[in-house]
C-alpha atoms as a PDB file:
ATOM      1  CA  UNK A   1     103.869 110.581  75.660  1.00  0.00           C
ATOM      2  CA  UNK A   2     103.347 106.828  75.339  1.00  0.00           C
ATOM      3  CA  UNK A   3     103.662 104.596  78.375  1.00  0.00           C
ATOM      4  CA  UNK A   4     106.637 102.236  78.396  1.00  0.00           C
ATOM      5  CA  UNK A   5     105.822  98.533  78.346  1.00  0.00           C
ATOM      6  CA  UNK A   6     106.768  96.785  81.555  1.00  0.00           C
ATOM      7  CA  UNK A   7     107.191  93.182  82.676  1.00  0.00           C
ATOM      8  CA  UNK A   8     107.091  92.644  86.454  1.00  0.00           C
ATOM      9  CA  UNK A   9     108.179  89.455  88.227  1.00  0.00           C
ATOM     10  CA  UNK A  10     106.302  88.627  91.428  1.00  0.00           C
ATOM     11  CA  UNK A  11     106.212  85.651  93.754  1.00  0.00           C
ATOM     12  CA  UNK A  12     103.462  84.358  96.049  1.00  0.00           C
ATOM     13  CA  UNK A  13     103.768  81.876  98.882  1.00  0.00           C
ATOM     14  CA  UNK A  14     101.140  79.347  99.892  1.00  0.00           C
ATOM     15  CA  UNK A  15     102.110  79.179 103.569  1.00  0.00           C
ATOM     16  CA  UNK A  16     101.347  75.865 105.231  1.00  0.00           C
ATOM     17  CA  UNK A  17     101.121  75.286 108.961  1.00  0.00           C
ATOM     18  CA  UNK A  18      99.252  72.863 111.233  1.00  0.00           C
ATOM     19  CA  UNK A  19      96.520  75.559 111.324  1.00  0.00           C
ATOM     20  CA  UNK A  20      96.008  75.398 107.543  1.00  0.00           C
ATOM     21  CA  UNK A  21      96.950  77.677 104.649  1.00  0.00           C
ATOM     22  CA  UNK A  22      97.304  81.442 105.148  1.00  0.00           C
ATOM     23  CA  UNK A  23      95.224  83.746 102.950  1.00  0.00           C
ATOM     24  CA  UNK A  24      95.328  87.543 103.194  1.00  0.00           C
ATOM     25  CA  UNK A  25      92.780  90.099 102.000  1.00  0.00           C
ATOM     26  CA  UNK A  26      93.846  93.023  99.798  1.00  0.00           C
ATOM     27  CA  UNK A  27      92.831  96.508 100.878  1.00  0.00           C
ATOM     28  CA  UNK A  28      89.725  98.012  99.265  1.00  0.00           C
ATOM     29  CA  UNK A  29      91.994 100.691  97.718  1.00  0.00           C
ATOM     30  CA  UNK A  30      94.285  98.234  95.885  1.00  0.00           C
ATOM     31  CA  UNK A  31      94.667  98.913  92.137  1.00  0.00           C
ATOM     32  CA  UNK A  32      94.430  95.214  91.246  1.00  0.00           C
ATOM     33  CA  UNK A  33      92.055  92.847  93.029  1.00  0.00           C
ATOM     34  CA  UNK A  34      90.807  95.251  95.696  1.00  0.00           C
ATOM     35  CA  UNK A  35      89.183  93.369  98.595  1.00  0.00           C
ATOM     36  CA  UNK A  36      89.996  89.901  97.266  1.00  0.00           C
ATOM     37  CA  UNK A  37      91.789  87.100  99.086  1.00  0.00           C
ATOM     38  CA  UNK A  38      95.221  86.001  97.939  1.00  0.00           C
ATOM     39  CA  UNK A  39      98.512  84.444  98.973  1.00  0.00           C
ATOM     40  CA  UNK A  40     101.116  86.729 100.545  1.00  0.00           C
ATOM     41  CA  UNK A  41     104.007  87.836  98.381  1.00  0.00           C
ATOM     42  CA  UNK A  42     105.095  90.560  96.029  1.00  0.00           C
ATOM     43  CA  UNK A  43     107.542  91.886  93.482  1.00  0.00           C
ATOM     44  CA  UNK A  44     111.115  90.807  93.023  1.00  0.00           C
ATOM     45  CA  UNK A  45     113.638  93.559  93.730  1.00  0.00           C
ATOM     46  CA  UNK A  46     116.771  93.981  91.635  1.00  0.00           C
ATOM     47  CA  UNK A  47     119.586  91.711  92.823  1.00  0.00           C
ATOM     48  CA  UNK A  48     117.392  89.265  94.800  1.00  0.00           C
ATOM     49  CA  UNK A  49     116.983  85.587  94.129  1.00  0.00           C
ATOM     50  CA  UNK A  50     113.392  84.385  93.838  1.00  0.00           C
ATOM     51  CA  UNK A  51     113.567  82.686  97.251  1.00  0.00           C
ATOM     52  CA  UNK A  52     115.111  85.748  98.948  1.00  0.00           C
ATOM     53  CA  UNK A  53     112.488  88.029  97.434  1.00  0.00           C
ATOM     54  CA  UNK A  54     109.588  85.820  98.445  1.00  0.00           C
ATOM     55  CA  UNK A  55     110.893  85.327 101.980  1.00  0.00           C
ATOM     56  CA  UNK A  56     111.309  89.115 102.341  1.00  0.00           C
ATOM     57  CA  UNK A  57     107.834  89.863 100.957  1.00  0.00           C
ATOM     58  CA  UNK A  58     106.160  87.309 103.241  1.00  0.00           C
ATOM     59  CA  UNK A  59     107.947  88.722 106.289  1.00  0.00           C
ATOM     60  CA  UNK A  60     107.048  92.322 105.306  1.00  0.00           C
ATOM     61  CA  UNK A  61     103.381  91.489 104.653  1.00  0.00           C
ATOM     62  CA  UNK A  62     102.707  89.013 107.467  1.00  0.00           C
ATOM     63  CA  UNK A  63     105.533  89.135 110.015  1.00  0.00           C
ATOM     64  CA  UNK A  64     106.054  85.379 109.573  1.00  0.00           C
ATOM     65  CA  UNK A  65     109.300  83.507 109.102  1.00  0.00           C
ATOM     66  CA  UNK A  66     109.029  80.793 106.464  1.00  0.00           C
ATOM     67  CA  UNK A  67     111.067  78.323 104.512  1.00  0.00           C
ATOM     68  CA  UNK A  68     110.363  78.225 100.808  1.00  0.00           C
ATOM     69  CA  UNK A  69     109.527  74.898  99.178  1.00  0.00           C
ATOM     70  CA  UNK A  70     108.866  73.870  95.617  1.00  0.00           C
ATOM     71  CA  UNK A  71     107.543  75.996  92.780  1.00  0.00           C
ATOM     72  CA  UNK A  72     103.867  75.003  92.445  1.00  0.00           C
ATOM     73  CA  UNK A  73     103.012  76.934  89.287  1.00  0.00           C
ATOM     74  CA  UNK A  74     103.914  79.894  87.108  1.00  0.00           C
ATOM     75  CA  UNK A  75     101.600  82.090  85.061  1.00  0.00           C
ATOM     76  CA  UNK A  76     101.491  85.452  83.368  1.00  0.00           C
ATOM     77  CA  UNK A  77      98.729  88.013  82.799  1.00  0.00           C
ATOM     78  CA  UNK A  78      98.217  91.695  82.062  1.00  0.00           C
ATOM     79  CA  UNK A  79      97.377  94.148  84.848  1.00  0.00           C
ATOM     80  CA  UNK A  80      97.040  97.014  82.359  1.00  0.00           C
ATOM     81  CA  UNK A  81      97.510  97.657  78.636  1.00  0.00           C
ATOM     82  CA  UNK A  82     101.277  98.133  79.037  1.00  0.00           C
ATOM     83  CA  UNK A  83     102.011  96.062  82.176  1.00  0.00           C
ATOM     84  CA  UNK A  84     102.473  92.290  82.222  1.00  0.00           C
ATOM     85  CA  UNK A  85     102.969  90.318  85.427  1.00  0.00           C
ATOM     86  CA  UNK A  86     104.920  87.057  85.612  1.00  0.00           C
ATOM     87  CA  UNK A  87     103.741  85.295  88.764  1.00  0.00           C
ATOM     88  CA  UNK A  88     105.557  82.393  90.439  1.00  0.00           C
ATOM     89  CA  UNK A  89     103.701  80.617  93.243  1.00  0.00           C
ATOM     90  CA  UNK A  90     105.689  78.559  95.730  1.00  0.00           C
ATOM     91  CA  UNK A  91     104.848  76.333  98.648  1.00  0.00           C
ATOM     92  CA  UNK A  92     106.117  77.821 101.926  1.00  0.00           C
ATOM     93  CA  UNK A  93     106.237  76.470 105.465  1.00  0.00           C
ATOM     94  CA  UNK A  94     105.578  78.515 108.600  1.00  0.00           C
ATOM     95  CA  UNK A  95     108.635  78.458 110.850  1.00  0.00           C
ATOM     96  CA  UNK A  96     107.761  81.136 113.399  1.00  0.00           C
ATOM     97  CA  UNK A  97     106.095  84.396 114.289  1.00  0.00           C
ATOM     98  CA  UNK A  98     102.532  85.598 114.652  1.00  0.00           C
ATOM     99  CA  UNK A  99     100.610  87.218 111.795  1.00  0.00           C
ATOM    100  CA  UNK A 100     101.046  91.008 111.737  1.00  0.00           C
ATOM    101  CA  UNK A 101      99.650  92.481 108.532  1.00  0.00           C
ATOM    102  CA  UNK A 102     101.217  95.347 106.614  1.00  0.00           C
ATOM    103  CA  UNK A 103      98.999  98.141 105.273  1.00  0.00           C
ATOM    104  CA  UNK A 104      98.643  96.205 101.993  1.00  0.00           C
ATOM    105  CA  UNK A 105      96.100  93.841 103.576  1.00  0.00           C
ATOM    106  CA  UNK A 106      93.123  94.256 105.882  1.00  0.00           C
ATOM    107  CA  UNK A 107      92.458  90.712 107.103  1.00  0.00           C
ATOM    108  CA  UNK A 108      93.916  87.205 107.243  1.00  0.00           C
ATOM    109  CA  UNK A 109      92.866  83.679 108.116  1.00  0.00           C
ATOM    110  CA  UNK A 110      94.107  80.117 108.149  1.00  0.00           C
ATOM    111  CA  UNK A 111      91.927  77.955 105.902  1.00  0.00           C
ATOM    112  CA  UNK A 112      91.738  74.343 104.817  1.00  0.00           C
ATOM    113  CA  UNK A 113      92.310  73.426 101.147  1.00  0.00           C
ATOM    114  CA  UNK A 114      88.647  72.486 100.637  1.00  0.00           C
ATOM    115  CA  UNK A 115      87.619  76.055 101.644  1.00  0.00           C
ATOM    116  CA  UNK A 116      89.724  77.731  98.946  1.00  0.00           C
ATOM    117  CA  UNK A 117      87.283  77.511  96.000  1.00  0.00           C
ATOM    118  CA  UNK A 118      84.834  79.732  97.923  1.00  0.00           C
ATOM    119  CA  UNK A 119      87.499  82.208  99.052  1.00  0.00           C
ATOM    120  CA  UNK A 120      90.026  82.681  96.258  1.00  0.00           C
ATOM    121  CA  UNK A 121      89.222  84.680  93.120  1.00  0.00           C
ATOM    122  CA  UNK A 122      88.207  82.467  90.200  1.00  0.00           C
ATOM    123  CA  UNK A 123      91.470  83.171  88.336  1.00  0.00           C
ATOM    124  CA  UNK A 124      93.625  81.887  91.207  1.00  0.00           C
ATOM    125  CA  UNK A 125      91.360  78.882  91.798  1.00  0.00           C
ATOM    126  CA  UNK A 126      91.560  78.061  88.062  1.00  0.00           C
ATOM    127  CA  UNK A 127      95.376  78.119  88.143  1.00  0.00           C
ATOM    128  CA  UNK A 128      95.415  75.915  91.260  1.00  0.00           C
ATOM    129  CA  UNK A 129      93.240  73.344  89.451  1.00  0.00           C
ATOM    130  CA  UNK A 130      95.127  73.666  86.144  1.00  0.00           C
ATOM    131  CA  UNK A 131      98.473  72.908  87.780  1.00  0.00           C
ATOM    132  CA  UNK A 132      97.211  70.180  90.130  1.00  0.00           C
ATOM    133  CA  UNK A 133      98.016  72.049  93.338  1.00  0.00           C
ATOM    134  CA  UNK A 134      94.923  70.775  95.173  1.00  0.00           C
ATOM    135  CA  UNK A 135      95.900  67.215  94.269  1.00  0.00           C
ATOM    136  CA  UNK A 136      99.204  67.596  96.136  1.00  0.00           C
ATOM    137  CA  UNK A 137      97.336  68.112  99.425  1.00  0.00           C
ATOM    138  CA  UNK A 138      95.011  65.115  99.228  1.00  0.00           C
ATOM    139  CA  UNK A 139      95.708  62.396 101.833  1.00  0.00           C
END
């Protein structure tokens, strides 16, 4: 039996606070990107708006309440031969709560933008450069 082709829509939030930007570390057992650092977020559920889905995913993964800002960039890539991911990355702003990780992540930290090239996977860093995200945070 052949596997059905699938397109998945997911959103990530670059959460900003006076402490910096929140990055979370994927579990070592994750199918895609095990052990790497990323932005919190996840898949859109049927019937949700993009903002509702991202807000829900951030709260589930981190325990934080956020407001969602502008779309920073969109990209697409394959996570398997029959599975394509459409990824929308938004700016988000910490409104309340303390970080409480779900079982999807093993660690978290607040970092400064200049630390990101040494923390994020090359693919994410490349997209951040390509779409001028770092430039938005320069004084």
